[in-house]
Amino acid sequence: MPEKSDPGPRNLITDVAGLRVGNAEDPHIKTGVTVLLGDQPFTCGVHVMGGAPGTRETDLLAPDKTVEQVDALVLSGGSAFGLDAPSGVADALRAQGRGFKVGDQLVPIVPGAILFDLINGGDKNWTENPYKRLGASALTNASEDFALGSVGAGTGATTANLKGGLGSASFTLPSGHTVAALVAVNALGSAVVGDGPQFWAAPFEQTAEFGGKGVAQHYPETHVPPTKLAAHANTTIGIIATDATLTQAQCTRLATAAHDGYARALFPAHTPMDGDLIFAASTGKKPLTDPVADTLYLGHAAATVMARAIARAIFHASEQPNDAQPTWAARHG
């Protein structure tokens, strides 16, 4: 496989045909929700590598479970409160006549994951959990085109030294399969080397998609930025999608491989205080021609495109009142 491949036409996860993304946010609370929706149910797997995850309906994604396809995936802020966001999505999907059919009932399958953004400068003194409403709104906003940075689940995200955000990236393999990533970056670690502006993901950058600053000249060996250690207010949650025809077990393996992208783009990653998680989604539109080689390259591509998506999340973050961290653009742009 070539060292680099061109991004898709949007450089977004929606370059995988049949997928849409919707974002909804509340700037007063400094939080939001992101929904990945398929035109049709899609095969899904998941892999968790962080020490503090928060999830809904991930057990059913194990390769030995009966239901292999889901209707949507949800990434949300709000810590455990954000687990209510998939309920809003499920209600809206049921009203649209979508879901797993059981007798005369439809049960939308909507796994979700959350990040912790409760102490980021927003007003969290709500009288009613807002995440069900935000989930339904995000579904309504689903489109092939969507914004990056301080939107959706990335609205209130932070990293060790800069604002986090929502990122996405894609490319097409020589086999013709498209691989793409969507990620909400709220990491304990840093996406930039030292004080920046170079990103850890710089070796994988395509067409100056996150500033074109190149690679750093010096890389610290042991320093871990301490700013988020005490708060335990972390977690990076993401989705890898492809049009390759994969089983639930193969999706699980794809999600596992994609975690290498976290390690390439965040320093450190997969800590005991992060709930780092990746879903993998297959629309199944393009069969594998060589099951061994194709799945190997898909995994490699997943890690690379995830690293790029993480850097793009930080690069596109925008300033808002009462921010807990500066944006990359304000500091380096």
Protein backbone atom coordinates (compact mmCIF):
# COMPACT_ATOMS: atom_id res chain seq x y z
CA MET A 1 0.00 0.00 0.00
CA PRO A 2 1.37 3.49 -0.75
CA GLU A 3 2.78 5.54 2.11
CA LYS A 4 0.06 8.13 1.57
CA SER A 5 -3.36 8.04 -0.02
CA ASP A 6 -5.51 10.96 -1.03
CA PRO A 7 -8.36 11.97 1.27
CA GLY A 8 -11.89 11.47 0.03
CA PRO A 9 -13.81 14.36 -1.55
CA ARG A 10 -15.01 15.72 1.82
CA ASN A 11 -12.21 14.35 4.00
CA LEU A 12 -14.99 13.31 6.37
CA ILE A 13 -16.44 10.02 7.60
CA THR A 14 -19.36 10.63 5.22
CA ASP A 15 -17.02 9.80 2.33
CA VAL A 16 -18.19 6.28 3.20
CA ALA A 17 -21.35 6.26 1.09
CA GLY A 18 -24.59 5.84 3.00
CA LEU A 19 -23.43 7.51 6.24
CA ARG A 20 -24.47 10.87 7.67
CA VAL A 21 -23.41 12.80 10.75
CA GLY A 22 -25.49 15.13 12.89
CA ASN A 23 -24.29 17.49 15.61
CA ALA A 24 -26.17 19.34 18.33
CA GLU A 25 -24.71 21.48 21.07
CA ASP A 26 -25.61 23.78 23.93
CA PRO A 27 -22.99 26.57 24.18
CA HIS A 28 -24.31 27.69 27.58
CA ILE A 29 -23.67 24.26 29.06
CA LYS A 30 -20.58 23.77 26.82
CA THR A 31 -21.52 20.30 25.72
CA GLY A 32 -23.04 18.44 22.80
CA VAL A 33 -23.87 15.22 20.98
CA THR A 34 -22.76 13.69 17.68
CA VAL A 35 -24.71 10.98 15.85
CA LEU A 36 -23.51 8.70 13.05
CA LEU A 37 -26.53 7.51 11.06
CA GLY A 38 -26.67 4.98 8.25
CA ASP A 39 -29.16 4.99 5.41
CA GLN A 40 -29.47 1.33 6.34
CA PRO A 41 -28.42 -0.58 9.48
CA PHE A 42 -24.69 -1.30 9.48
CA THR A 43 -22.46 -3.96 11.01
CA CYS A 44 -20.62 -2.74 14.08
CA GLY A 45 -17.91 -3.71 16.55
CA VAL A 46 -16.20 -1.93 19.44
CA HIS A 47 -12.97 -2.00 21.39
CA VAL A 48 -12.24 -0.22 24.69
CA MET A 49 -8.67 0.53 25.80
CA GLY A 50 -9.13 3.32 28.33
CA GLY A 51 -9.44 2.67 32.04
CA ALA A 52 -12.59 4.74 32.64
CA PRO A 53 -15.18 4.11 29.88
CA GLY A 54 -18.83 5.08 29.84
CA THR A 55 -20.98 3.18 27.35
CA ARG A 56 -24.43 2.02 26.33
CA GLU A 57 -25.26 -1.24 24.48
CA THR A 58 -21.67 -2.18 23.75
CA ASP A 59 -22.04 -5.74 25.07
CA LEU A 60 -24.27 -6.62 22.12
CA LEU A 61 -21.43 -5.69 19.74
CA ALA A 62 -19.28 -8.64 20.81
CA PRO A 63 -18.63 -11.07 17.94
CA ASP A 64 -20.63 -13.87 19.62
CA LYS A 65 -23.82 -11.82 20.09
CA THR A 66 -27.00 -12.22 18.03
CA VAL A 67 -27.66 -8.69 16.73
CA GLU A 68 -24.84 -7.72 14.34
CA GLN A 69 -26.17 -4.46 12.95
CA VAL A 70 -27.04 -1.12 14.52
CA ASP A 71 -29.12 1.84 13.37
CA ALA A 72 -26.90 4.63 14.69
CA LEU A 73 -23.93 5.38 16.93
CA VAL A 74 -23.79 8.21 19.45
CA LEU A 75 -20.83 10.15 20.86
CA SER A 76 -21.80 12.46 23.71
CA GLY A 77 -20.48 14.82 26.32
CA GLY A 78 -21.92 14.86 29.82
CA SER A 79 -20.23 11.89 31.46
CA ALA A 80 -22.90 9.44 32.70
CA PHE A 81 -25.63 12.01 32.05
CA GLY A 82 -24.72 11.81 28.35
CA LEU A 83 -25.78 8.17 28.20
CA ASP A 84 -29.31 9.56 27.88
CA ALA A 85 -28.45 10.91 24.40
CA PRO A 86 -28.93 7.55 22.63
CA SER A 87 -32.45 7.41 24.14
CA GLY A 88 -33.37 10.57 22.25
CA VAL A 89 -31.93 9.09 19.07
CA ALA A 90 -33.76 5.79 19.59
CA ASP A 91 -37.10 7.55 20.16
CA ALA A 92 -36.69 9.56 16.97
CA LEU A 93 -35.66 6.52 14.92
CA ARG A 94 -38.65 4.54 16.20
CA ALA A 95 -40.92 7.39 15.13
CA GLN A 96 -39.36 7.09 11.66
CA GLY A 97 -40.19 3.38 11.54
CA ARG A 98 -36.61 2.19 12.06
CA GLY A 99 -35.36 -0.49 14.41
CA PHE A 100 -34.83 -4.20 15.01
CA LYS A 101 -38.17 -5.92 14.45
CA VAL A 102 -39.47 -8.04 17.33
CA GLY A 103 -43.06 -9.15 16.73
CA ASP A 104 -45.02 -6.01 16.03
CA GLN A 105 -42.43 -3.79 17.74
CA LEU A 106 -39.41 -1.90 16.40
CA VAL A 107 -36.41 -1.49 18.70
CA PRO A 108 -33.73 0.89 17.35
CA ILE A 109 -30.23 -0.34 18.21
CA VAL A 110 -28.21 2.73 19.23
CA PRO A 111 -24.93 2.09 21.07
CA GLY A 112 -23.22 5.12 22.56
CA ALA A 113 -20.18 6.35 24.46
CA ILE A 114 -19.54 9.42 26.58
CA LEU A 115 -16.72 11.76 27.53
CA PHE A 116 -16.36 13.89 30.67
CA ASP A 117 -16.88 17.62 30.03
CA LEU A 118 -18.63 18.64 33.27
CA ILE A 119 -15.94 21.04 34.56
CA ASN A 120 -15.06 22.96 31.40
CA GLY A 121 -16.47 26.41 32.20
CA GLY A 122 -20.06 25.77 31.15
CA ASP A 123 -23.13 26.03 33.38
CA LYS A 124 -24.04 22.48 34.41
CA ASN A 125 -26.77 23.51 36.86
CA TRP A 126 -29.57 22.15 34.67
CA THR A 127 -32.97 21.19 36.08
CA GLU A 128 -33.52 18.46 33.49
CA ASN A 129 -30.95 16.23 31.81
CA PRO A 130 -30.43 17.87 28.36
CA TYR A 131 -28.87 14.95 26.55
CA LYS A 132 -31.99 13.18 25.35
CA ARG A 133 -33.04 16.43 23.67
CA LEU A 134 -29.58 16.97 22.23
CA GLY A 135 -29.50 13.43 20.87
CA ALA A 136 -32.80 13.88 19.04
CA SER A 137 -31.62 17.25 17.67
CA ALA A 138 -28.34 15.76 16.44
CA LEU A 139 -30.25 13.06 14.56
CA THR A 140 -32.43 15.70 12.92
CA ASN A 141 -29.29 17.52 11.77
CA ALA A 142 -27.71 14.45 10.13
CA SER A 143 -26.09 15.32 6.80
CA GLU A 144 -23.21 14.34 4.56
CA ASP A 145 -21.56 17.69 5.32
CA PHE A 146 -20.85 18.78 8.89
CA ALA A 147 -18.54 21.08 10.81
CA LEU A 148 -15.45 20.14 12.81
CA GLY A 149 -13.93 21.55 15.98
CA SER A 150 -16.10 22.94 18.77
CA VAL A 151 -19.31 21.22 17.69
CA GLY A 152 -21.31 18.17 18.71
CA ALA A 153 -19.60 15.91 21.21
CA GLY A 154 -16.46 18.02 20.84
CA THR A 155 -18.13 21.25 22.01
CA GLY A 156 -16.74 21.22 25.52
CA ALA A 157 -13.77 18.93 25.00
CA THR A 158 -10.28 19.74 26.24
CA THR A 159 -6.80 18.22 26.14
CA ALA A 160 -3.83 18.71 28.44
CA ASN A 161 -2.93 22.10 26.99
CA LEU A 162 -5.45 23.05 24.28
CA LYS A 163 -9.15 22.88 23.53
CA GLY A 164 -10.26 19.55 22.13
CA GLY A 165 -13.00 19.07 19.57
CA LEU A 166 -14.65 16.92 16.94
CA GLY A 167 -12.48 15.66 14.08
CA SER A 168 -12.89 13.58 10.96
CA ALA A 169 -10.76 12.37 8.06
CA SER A 170 -10.86 9.81 5.25
CA PHE A 171 -9.02 8.18 2.42
CA THR A 172 -9.47 5.51 -0.21
CA LEU A 173 -7.20 2.49 -0.39
CA PRO A 174 -5.76 1.12 -3.65
CA SER A 175 -8.27 -1.73 -3.27
CA GLY A 176 -11.04 0.86 -3.72
CA HIS A 177 -12.29 0.61 -0.13
CA THR A 178 -12.84 3.85 1.76
CA VAL A 179 -11.79 4.13 5.41
CA ALA A 180 -12.73 7.13 7.53
CA ALA A 181 -12.75 8.32 11.13
CA LEU A 182 -14.90 10.47 13.39
CA VAL A 183 -13.60 11.35 16.86
CA ALA A 184 -14.37 13.55 19.87
CA VAL A 185 -11.04 14.42 21.50
CA ASN A 186 -11.15 15.09 25.25
CA ALA A 187 -7.84 13.52 26.16
CA LEU A 188 -5.80 13.64 29.35
CA GLY A 189 -2.79 13.88 27.06
CA SER A 190 -1.72 16.36 24.41
CA ALA A 191 -2.16 16.32 20.64
CA VAL A 192 0.83 18.63 20.09
CA VAL A 193 4.50 18.05 20.81
CA GLY A 194 5.54 20.08 23.83
CA ASP A 195 4.20 23.61 23.43
CA GLY A 196 3.44 23.03 19.74
CA PRO A 197 2.56 23.95 17.08
CA GLN A 198 3.53 20.58 15.59
CA PHE A 199 1.08 17.73 16.04
CA TRP A 200 2.08 14.24 17.07
CA ALA A 201 0.12 13.09 14.00
CA ALA A 202 2.21 15.25 11.64
CA PRO A 203 3.88 12.35 9.76
CA PHE A 204 0.44 11.30 8.49
CA GLU A 205 -0.90 14.74 7.49
CA GLN A 206 -2.47 15.11 4.04
CA THR A 207 -2.46 18.38 2.09
CA ALA A 208 -1.90 20.63 5.14
CA GLU A 209 -5.21 19.48 6.63
CA PHE A 210 -4.14 20.57 10.12
CA GLY A 211 -1.87 23.50 9.39
CA GLY A 212 1.07 21.95 7.55
CA LYS A 213 3.54 22.73 10.36
CA GLY A 214 5.57 19.61 9.73
CA VAL A 215 7.19 17.38 12.32
CA ALA A 216 8.80 18.55 15.55
CA GLN A 217 12.55 18.71 15.88
CA HIS A 218 12.56 17.39 19.45
CA TYR A 219 10.29 14.85 21.11
CA PRO A 220 10.02 14.64 24.92
CA GLU A 221 10.53 11.15 26.29
CA THR A 222 8.79 11.22 29.66
CA HIS A 223 7.03 14.53 30.28
CA VAL A 224 3.27 14.20 30.72
CA PRO A 225 1.36 17.52 30.86
CA PRO A 226 -0.22 17.54 34.35
CA THR A 227 -3.18 19.86 33.79
CA LYS A 228 -5.90 17.19 33.71
CA LEU A 229 -4.41 14.56 36.01
CA ALA A 230 -6.24 15.68 39.17
CA ALA A 231 -9.64 16.25 37.54
CA HIS A 232 -10.04 12.83 35.88
CA ALA A 233 -12.04 14.75 33.26
CA ASN A 234 -11.04 12.95 30.12
CA THR A 235 -11.79 10.40 27.35
CA THR A 236 -11.44 10.24 23.57
CA ILE A 237 -14.27 8.42 21.78
CA GLY A 238 -14.31 7.65 18.08
CA ILE A 239 -15.71 5.71 15.15
CA ILE A 240 -13.95 4.07 12.21
CA ALA A 241 -16.15 3.43 9.19
CA THR A 242 -15.60 1.60 5.93
CA ASP A 243 -17.58 0.44 2.92
CA ALA A 244 -15.72 -2.89 2.98
CA THR A 245 -17.90 -5.91 3.69
CA LEU A 246 -16.92 -7.00 7.19
CA THR A 247 -18.35 -9.33 9.82
CA GLN A 248 -18.90 -8.23 13.39
CA ALA A 249 -15.67 -9.99 14.35
CA GLN A 250 -13.76 -8.18 11.60
CA CYS A 251 -15.25 -4.87 12.74
CA THR A 252 -14.00 -5.61 16.24
CA ARG A 253 -10.52 -6.22 14.86
CA LEU A 254 -10.73 -2.97 12.84
CA ALA A 255 -11.65 -1.01 15.98
CA THR A 256 -8.73 -2.61 17.82
CA ALA A 257 -6.27 -1.63 15.10
CA ALA A 258 -7.64 1.92 15.01
CA HIS A 259 -6.51 2.48 18.60
CA ASP A 260 -2.97 2.75 17.22
CA GLY A 261 -4.18 6.09 15.83
CA TYR A 262 -4.83 7.32 19.37
CA ALA A 263 -1.29 6.39 20.35
CA ARG A 264 0.13 8.13 17.26
CA ALA A 265 -1.78 11.36 17.86
CA LEU A 266 -2.06 11.75 21.66
CA PHE A 267 0.65 11.72 24.31
CA PRO A 268 -0.14 9.76 26.41
CA ALA A 269 -3.13 7.69 25.29
CA HIS A 270 -5.19 4.89 26.88
CA THR A 271 -4.51 6.07 30.43
CA PRO A 272 -6.33 4.82 33.55
CA MET A 273 -8.20 8.16 33.63
CA ASP A 274 -9.35 8.05 29.99
CA GLY A 275 -12.26 5.97 28.74
CA ASP A 276 -10.75 5.63 25.27
CA LEU A 277 -13.07 3.69 22.97
CA ILE A 278 -13.52 3.13 19.23
CA PHE A 279 -16.53 1.77 17.37
CA ALA A 280 -16.05 0.29 13.90
CA ALA A 281 -18.82 0.40 11.31
CA SER A 282 -19.14 -1.43 8.00
CA THR A 283 -21.76 -0.52 5.42
CA GLY A 284 -20.85 -3.71 3.54
CA LYS A 285 -21.05 -2.19 0.07
CA LYS A 286 -17.71 -3.47 -1.30
CA PRO A 287 -16.66 -7.11 -0.82
CA LEU A 288 -13.09 -7.97 0.08
CA THR A 289 -11.06 -9.33 -2.82
CA ASP A 290 -8.26 -10.68 -0.63
CA PRO A 291 -9.58 -11.24 2.92
CA VAL A 292 -6.11 -11.49 4.46
CA ALA A 293 -4.38 -8.59 2.74
CA ASP A 294 -7.44 -6.35 2.62
CA THR A 295 -8.14 -6.61 6.34
CA LEU A 296 -4.48 -5.94 7.10
CA TYR A 297 -4.50 -2.75 5.05
CA LEU A 298 -7.87 -1.70 6.44
CA GLY A 299 -6.46 -1.88 9.96
CA HIS A 300 -3.38 0.10 8.99
CA ALA A 301 -5.56 2.69 7.27
CA ALA A 302 -7.86 2.91 10.29
CA ALA A 303 -4.99 3.82 12.61
CA THR A 304 -3.60 6.39 10.20
CA VAL A 305 -6.90 8.09 9.44
CA MET A 306 -7.80 8.19 13.14
CA ALA A 307 -4.55 9.99 13.94
CA ARG A 308 -5.33 12.59 11.28
CA ALA A 309 -8.89 13.04 12.56
CA ILE A 310 -7.60 13.72 16.09
CA ALA A 311 -5.27 16.46 14.88
CA ARG A 312 -8.04 18.02 12.78
CA ALA A 313 -10.28 18.14 15.87
CA ILE A 314 -7.73 20.30 17.70
CA PHE A 315 -6.89 22.38 14.64
CA HIS A 316 -10.53 23.36 14.02
CA ALA A 317 -11.49 24.16 17.64
CA SER A 318 -12.91 27.67 18.03
CA GLU A 319 -12.88 30.15 20.92
CA GLN A 320 -15.95 30.48 23.13
CA PRO A 321 -16.63 32.48 26.32
CA ASN A 322 -15.26 30.99 29.56
CA ASP A 323 -13.04 28.48 27.78
CA ALA A 324 -10.93 26.34 30.10
CA GLN A 325 -8.15 26.06 27.49
CA PRO A 326 -6.89 28.14 24.54
CA THR A 327 -7.45 26.92 21.00
CA TRP A 328 -4.64 25.78 18.74
CA ALA A 329 -5.53 28.59 16.31
CA ALA A 330 -5.31 31.27 19.02
CA ARG A 331 -1.92 30.04 20.15
CA HIS A 332 -0.34 29.03 16.85
CA GLY A 333 -2.57 30.04 13.92
